[in-house]
Amino acid sequence: MPRISKKLKAAVFIDGANLFFAEKDAGWFIDYQKLKKHLASQYRLIFLCYYNGFRPKEKKKMSNFFNVLKRFGYQVKTKPVKRIYDQRNKKYTYKCNFDAEIVLDTMLNLDKADVIILVSGDSDFLCLLQHLSEIKKKFFVYSFRKNIAWEIKKQCKYGCYCFLENVKEQIIES
């Protein structure tokens, strides 16, 4: 008879752009194979997706990174970043936002997962977390300490977030 895992089924959504700058600020980078192993030690991963944009001139370099993630078992969703001219500062900035895609994928996976895991500290996800609370869906937020919005910490007042620094030794890139 096959052994049935008692682990909760988890759908994991990783906001790559949000993490990249937080990693740079923290001075260390996540090893995504180790992150997957860490999450898999606690949950049965049914959906594991990494979202990030790329600048056209960096497409080849980023493609290599995205291919590595795919080999580790991640779904990878990408799109080119937008180049936006800032009139006030007279310079271009780059922006890529996957909030809508992450929320949509979360909603599409709600019934398949016992717990939703969001790896981002972005306050734009507050409405999603509020909805998950309202429907009594378990969720967990992973974020860097300096990168988590206070609104998310308030929404997670019952301990549903973890600072990545707390699991650093298990997930740090060597």
C-alpha atoms as a PDB file:
ATOM      1  CA  MET A   1       0.000   0.000   0.000  1.00  0.00           C
ATOM      2  CA  PRO A   2       1.458   3.429  -0.964  1.00  0.00           C
ATOM      3  CA  ARG A   3       2.476   5.702   1.879  1.00  0.00           C
ATOM      4  CA  ILE A   4       0.385   8.865   2.024  1.00  0.00           C
ATOM      5  CA  SER A   5       2.173  12.015   3.142  1.00  0.00           C
ATOM      6  CA  LYS A   6       0.600  13.789   6.084  1.00  0.00           C
ATOM      7  CA  LYS A   7       2.295  17.028   5.086  1.00  0.00           C
ATOM      8  CA  LEU A   8       0.046  19.883   4.032  1.00  0.00           C
ATOM      9  CA  LYS A   9      -0.111  20.507   0.289  1.00  0.00           C
ATOM     10  CA  ALA A  10       1.464  23.881  -0.447  1.00  0.00           C
ATOM     11  CA  ALA A  11       1.363  26.245  -3.397  1.00  0.00           C
ATOM     12  CA  VAL A  12       4.413  28.541  -3.391  1.00  0.00           C
ATOM     13  CA  PHE A  13       4.596  31.912  -5.139  1.00  0.00           C
ATOM     14  CA  ILE A  14       7.969  33.689  -5.259  1.00  0.00           C
ATOM     15  CA  ASP A  15       8.148  37.381  -6.179  1.00  0.00           C
ATOM     16  CA  GLY A  16      11.664  37.363  -7.651  1.00  0.00           C
ATOM     17  CA  ALA A  17      11.970  41.107  -8.207  1.00  0.00           C
ATOM     18  CA  ASN A  18      10.968  41.791  -4.623  1.00  0.00           C
ATOM     19  CA  LEU A  19      13.549  39.319  -3.347  1.00  0.00           C
ATOM     20  CA  PHE A  20      16.438  40.374  -5.565  1.00  0.00           C
ATOM     21  CA  PHE A  21      16.789  43.857  -4.109  1.00  0.00           C
ATOM     22  CA  ALA A  22      16.200  42.588  -0.570  1.00  0.00           C
ATOM     23  CA  GLU A  23      18.958  39.999  -1.077  1.00  0.00           C
ATOM     24  CA  LYS A  24      21.346  42.709  -2.261  1.00  0.00           C
ATOM     25  CA  ASP A  25      20.458  44.812   0.788  1.00  0.00           C
ATOM     26  CA  ALA A  26      20.971  41.852   3.120  1.00  0.00           C
ATOM     27  CA  GLY A  27      24.330  41.009   1.547  1.00  0.00           C
ATOM     28  CA  TRP A  28      23.498  37.355   0.861  1.00  0.00           C
ATOM     29  CA  PHE A  29      21.583  35.444  -1.771  1.00  0.00           C
ATOM     30  CA  ILE A  30      19.113  32.591  -1.660  1.00  0.00           C
ATOM     31  CA  ASP A  31      20.044  29.206  -3.097  1.00  0.00           C
ATOM     32  CA  TYR A  32      16.731  28.268  -4.694  1.00  0.00           C
ATOM     33  CA  GLN A  33      17.493  24.555  -4.636  1.00  0.00           C
ATOM     34  CA  LYS A  34      18.021  24.815  -0.877  1.00  0.00           C
ATOM     35  CA  LEU A  35      14.867  26.924  -0.512  1.00  0.00           C
ATOM     36  CA  LYS A  36      12.873  24.238  -2.283  1.00  0.00           C
ATOM     37  CA  LYS A  37      14.412  21.564  -0.051  1.00  0.00           C
ATOM     38  CA  HIS A  38      13.579  23.625   3.050  1.00  0.00           C
ATOM     39  CA  LEU A  39       9.958  24.077   1.975  1.00  0.00           C
ATOM     40  CA  ALA A  40       9.639  20.432   0.912  1.00  0.00           C
ATOM     41  CA  SER A  41      10.796  19.339   4.363  1.00  0.00           C
ATOM     42  CA  GLN A  42       7.667  20.957   5.786  1.00  0.00           C
ATOM     43  CA  TYR A  43       5.115  20.745   2.985  1.00  0.00           C
ATOM     44  CA  ARG A  44       4.154  18.641   0.001  1.00  0.00           C
ATOM     45  CA  LEU A  45       4.828  21.110  -2.816  1.00  0.00           C
ATOM     46  CA  ILE A  46       2.113  20.988  -5.462  1.00  0.00           C
ATOM     47  CA  PHE A  47       2.890  24.322  -7.129  1.00  0.00           C
ATOM     48  CA  LEU A  48       6.229  26.130  -7.006  1.00  0.00           C
ATOM     49  CA  CYS A  49       6.531  29.213  -9.177  1.00  0.00           C
ATOM     50  CA  TYR A  50       9.127  31.967  -9.506  1.00  0.00           C
ATOM     51  CA  TYR A  51       8.119  35.267 -11.149  1.00  0.00           C
ATOM     52  CA  ASN A  52      10.609  37.814 -12.474  1.00  0.00           C
ATOM     53  CA  GLY A  53      11.237  40.261 -15.261  1.00  0.00           C
ATOM     54  CA  PHE A  54      14.347  40.819 -17.331  1.00  0.00           C
ATOM     55  CA  ARG A  55      15.913  43.663 -19.253  1.00  0.00           C
ATOM     56  CA  PRO A  56      16.248  42.770 -22.932  1.00  0.00           C
ATOM     57  CA  LYS A  57      20.049  43.169 -22.857  1.00  0.00           C
ATOM     58  CA  GLU A  58      20.226  40.757 -19.876  1.00  0.00           C
ATOM     59  CA  LYS A  59      17.897  38.156 -21.391  1.00  0.00           C
ATOM     60  CA  LYS A  60      20.616  35.556 -22.038  1.00  0.00           C
ATOM     61  CA  LYS A  61      22.102  35.867 -18.546  1.00  0.00           C
ATOM     62  CA  MET A  62      18.663  35.719 -16.924  1.00  0.00           C
ATOM     63  CA  SER A  63      17.627  32.803 -19.157  1.00  0.00           C
ATOM     64  CA  ASN A  64      20.480  30.763 -17.703  1.00  0.00           C
ATOM     65  CA  PHE A  65      19.213  31.501 -14.173  1.00  0.00           C
ATOM     66  CA  PHE A  66      15.616  30.713 -15.154  1.00  0.00           C
ATOM     67  CA  ASN A  67      16.717  27.415 -16.745  1.00  0.00           C
ATOM     68  CA  VAL A  68      18.486  26.426 -13.527  1.00  0.00           C
ATOM     69  CA  LEU A  69      15.273  27.129 -11.591  1.00  0.00           C
ATOM     70  CA  LYS A  70      13.333  24.960 -14.039  1.00  0.00           C
ATOM     71  CA  ARG A  71      15.823  22.116 -13.524  1.00  0.00           C
ATOM     72  CA  PHE A  72      15.190  22.446  -9.766  1.00  0.00           C
ATOM     73  CA  GLY A  73      11.456  21.958 -10.428  1.00  0.00           C
ATOM     74  CA  TYR A  74      10.214  25.541 -10.410  1.00  0.00           C
ATOM     75  CA  GLN A  75       7.728  26.904 -12.879  1.00  0.00           C
ATOM     76  CA  VAL A  76       9.161  30.190 -14.099  1.00  0.00           C
ATOM     77  CA  LYS A  77       7.074  33.084 -15.371  1.00  0.00           C
ATOM     78  CA  THR A  78       8.893  35.998 -16.981  1.00  0.00           C
ATOM     79  CA  LYS A  79       8.332  39.114 -19.021  1.00  0.00           C
ATOM     80  CA  PRO A  80      10.462  42.054 -20.124  1.00  0.00           C
ATOM     81  CA  VAL A  81      10.700  44.978 -17.705  1.00  0.00           C
ATOM     82  CA  LYS A  82       9.262  48.311 -18.741  1.00  0.00           C
ATOM     83  CA  ARG A  83      11.562  51.273 -19.261  1.00  0.00           C
ATOM     84  CA  ILE A  84       9.846  54.334 -17.825  1.00  0.00           C
ATOM     85  CA  TYR A  85      11.087  57.909 -18.061  1.00  0.00           C
ATOM     86  CA  ASP A  86      10.903  59.806 -14.761  1.00  0.00           C
ATOM     87  CA  GLN A  87      10.196  63.445 -15.673  1.00  0.00           C
ATOM     88  CA  ARG A  88      11.053  64.761 -12.220  1.00  0.00           C
ATOM     89  CA  ASN A  89      14.468  63.090 -11.986  1.00  0.00           C
ATOM     90  CA  LYS A  90      15.159  63.226 -15.728  1.00  0.00           C
ATOM     91  CA  LYS A  91      16.197  59.577 -15.921  1.00  0.00           C
ATOM     92  CA  TYR A  92      14.858  56.191 -16.872  1.00  0.00           C
ATOM     93  CA  THR A  93      13.784  53.592 -14.351  1.00  0.00           C
ATOM     94  CA  TYR A  94      12.903  49.977 -14.929  1.00  0.00           C
ATOM     95  CA  LYS A  95       9.801  48.300 -13.570  1.00  0.00           C
ATOM     96  CA  CYS A  96       8.299  44.858 -13.774  1.00  0.00           C
ATOM     97  CA  ASN A  97       5.329  43.860 -11.718  1.00  0.00           C
ATOM     98  CA  PHE A  98       3.905  40.364 -11.341  1.00  0.00           C
ATOM     99  CA  ASP A  99       1.370  41.119  -8.619  1.00  0.00           C
ATOM    100  CA  ALA A 100      -1.646  40.366 -10.829  1.00  0.00           C
ATOM    101  CA  GLU A 101      -0.137  37.107 -12.087  1.00  0.00           C
ATOM    102  CA  ILE A 102       0.723  35.967  -8.565  1.00  0.00           C
ATOM    103  CA  VAL A 103      -2.771  36.766  -7.293  1.00  0.00           C
ATOM    104  CA  LEU A 104      -4.369  35.005 -10.278  1.00  0.00           C
ATOM    105  CA  ASP A 105      -2.205  31.903  -9.885  1.00  0.00           C
ATOM    106  CA  THR A 106      -2.983  31.874  -6.156  1.00  0.00           C
ATOM    107  CA  MET A 107      -6.706  31.949  -6.849  1.00  0.00           C
ATOM    108  CA  LEU A 108      -6.378  29.200  -9.476  1.00  0.00           C
ATOM    109  CA  ASN A 109      -4.564  26.971  -6.954  1.00  0.00           C
ATOM    110  CA  LEU A 110      -6.685  27.722  -3.881  1.00  0.00           C
ATOM    111  CA  ASP A 111      -8.702  24.512  -3.951  1.00  0.00           C
ATOM    112  CA  LYS A 112      -5.673  22.321  -4.687  1.00  0.00           C
ATOM    113  CA  ALA A 113      -3.549  23.538  -1.775  1.00  0.00           C
ATOM    114  CA  ASP A 114      -3.947  23.325   1.987  1.00  0.00           C
ATOM    115  CA  VAL A 115      -1.629  26.292   2.488  1.00  0.00           C
ATOM    116  CA  ILE A 116      -0.522  29.217   0.338  1.00  0.00           C
ATOM    117  CA  ILE A 117       3.093  30.355   0.675  1.00  0.00           C
ATOM    118  CA  LEU A 118       4.014  33.821  -0.547  1.00  0.00           C
ATOM    119  CA  VAL A 119       7.699  34.704  -0.718  1.00  0.00           C
ATOM    120  CA  SER A 120       7.531  38.503  -0.802  1.00  0.00           C
ATOM    121  CA  GLY A 121       7.198  41.380   1.604  1.00  0.00           C
ATOM    122  CA  ASP A 122       5.289  43.579  -0.841  1.00  0.00           C
ATOM    123  CA  SER A 123       2.281  45.379   0.644  1.00  0.00           C
ATOM    124  CA  ASP A 124       0.518  45.061  -2.721  1.00  0.00           C
ATOM    125  CA  PHE A 125      -0.362  41.516  -1.632  1.00  0.00           C
ATOM    126  CA  LEU A 126      -2.288  42.714   1.416  1.00  0.00           C
ATOM    127  CA  CYS A 127      -5.679  42.329  -0.296  1.00  0.00           C
ATOM    128  CA  LEU A 128      -4.789  38.736  -1.207  1.00  0.00           C
ATOM    129  CA  LEU A 129      -3.774  37.936   2.369  1.00  0.00           C
ATOM    130  CA  GLN A 130      -6.940  39.580   3.696  1.00  0.00           C
ATOM    131  CA  HIS A 131      -9.006  37.434   1.350  1.00  0.00           C
ATOM    132  CA  LEU A 132      -7.176  34.281   2.417  1.00  0.00           C
ATOM    133  CA  SER A 133      -7.884  35.201   6.041  1.00  0.00           C
ATOM    134  CA  GLU A 134     -11.566  35.813   5.303  1.00  0.00           C
ATOM    135  CA  ILE A 135     -12.004  32.420   3.673  1.00  0.00           C
ATOM    136  CA  LYS A 136      -9.919  30.817   6.447  1.00  0.00           C
ATOM    137  CA  LYS A 137      -7.251  29.555   4.052  1.00  0.00           C
ATOM    138  CA  LYS A 138      -3.915  28.896   5.711  1.00  0.00           C
ATOM    139  CA  PHE A 139      -1.106  31.046   4.388  1.00  0.00           C
ATOM    140  CA  PHE A 140       2.486  31.773   5.220  1.00  0.00           C
ATOM    141  CA  VAL A 141       4.678  34.706   4.159  1.00  0.00           C
ATOM    142  CA  TYR A 142       8.471  34.503   3.863  1.00  0.00           C
ATOM    143  CA  SER A 143      10.333  37.807   3.607  1.00  0.00           C
ATOM    144  CA  PHE A 144      13.506  39.577   4.591  1.00  0.00           C
ATOM    145  CA  ARG A 145      13.135  41.415   7.891  1.00  0.00           C
ATOM    146  CA  LYS A 146      13.802  44.849   6.375  1.00  0.00           C
ATOM    147  CA  ASN A 147      11.627  44.137   3.357  1.00  0.00           C
ATOM    148  CA  ILE A 148       8.311  43.126   4.870  1.00  0.00           C
ATOM    149  CA  ALA A 149       5.574  45.745   4.812  1.00  0.00           C
ATOM    150  CA  TRP A 150       4.118  46.601   8.204  1.00  0.00           C
ATOM    151  CA  GLU A 151       0.638  45.912   6.794  1.00  0.00           C
ATOM    152  CA  ILE A 152       1.634  42.317   6.105  1.00  0.00           C
ATOM    153  CA  LYS A 153       3.055  41.886   9.597  1.00  0.00           C
ATOM    154  CA  LYS A 154      -0.210  43.249  10.985  1.00  0.00           C
ATOM    155  CA  GLN A 155      -2.266  40.888   8.784  1.00  0.00           C
ATOM    156  CA  CYS A 156      -0.080  38.011   9.973  1.00  0.00           C
ATOM    157  CA  LYS A 157      -0.460  38.853  13.657  1.00  0.00           C
ATOM    158  CA  TYR A 158      -0.888  35.181  14.525  1.00  0.00           C
ATOM    159  CA  GLY A 159       2.586  34.151  13.376  1.00  0.00           C
ATOM    160  CA  CYS A 160       2.045  33.380   9.725  1.00  0.00           C
ATOM    161  CA  TYR A 161       5.284  34.944   8.527  1.00  0.00           C
ATOM    162  CA  CYS A 162       8.920  33.989   8.724  1.00  0.00           C
ATOM    163  CA  PHE A 163      11.939  36.163   8.236  1.00  0.00           C
ATOM    164  CA  LEU A 164      14.283  34.593   5.715  1.00  0.00           C
ATOM    165  CA  GLU A 165      17.141  35.504   8.046  1.00  0.00           C
ATOM    166  CA  ASN A 166      15.718  32.913  10.491  1.00  0.00           C
ATOM    167  CA  VAL A 167      16.326  30.134   7.948  1.00  0.00           C
ATOM    168  CA  LYS A 168      19.422  31.690   6.368  1.00  0.00           C
ATOM    169  CA  GLU A 169      21.741  28.787   7.177  1.00  0.00           C
ATOM    170  CA  GLN A 170      19.379  26.386   5.403  1.00  0.00           C
ATOM    171  CA  ILE A 171      18.844  28.483   2.259  1.00  0.00           C
ATOM    172  CA  ILE A 172      21.950  30.648   1.736  1.00  0.00           C
ATOM    173  CA  GLU A 173      23.845  30.399  -1.530  1.00  0.00           C
ATOM    174  CA  SER A 174      27.327  29.026  -0.869  1.00  0.00           C
END
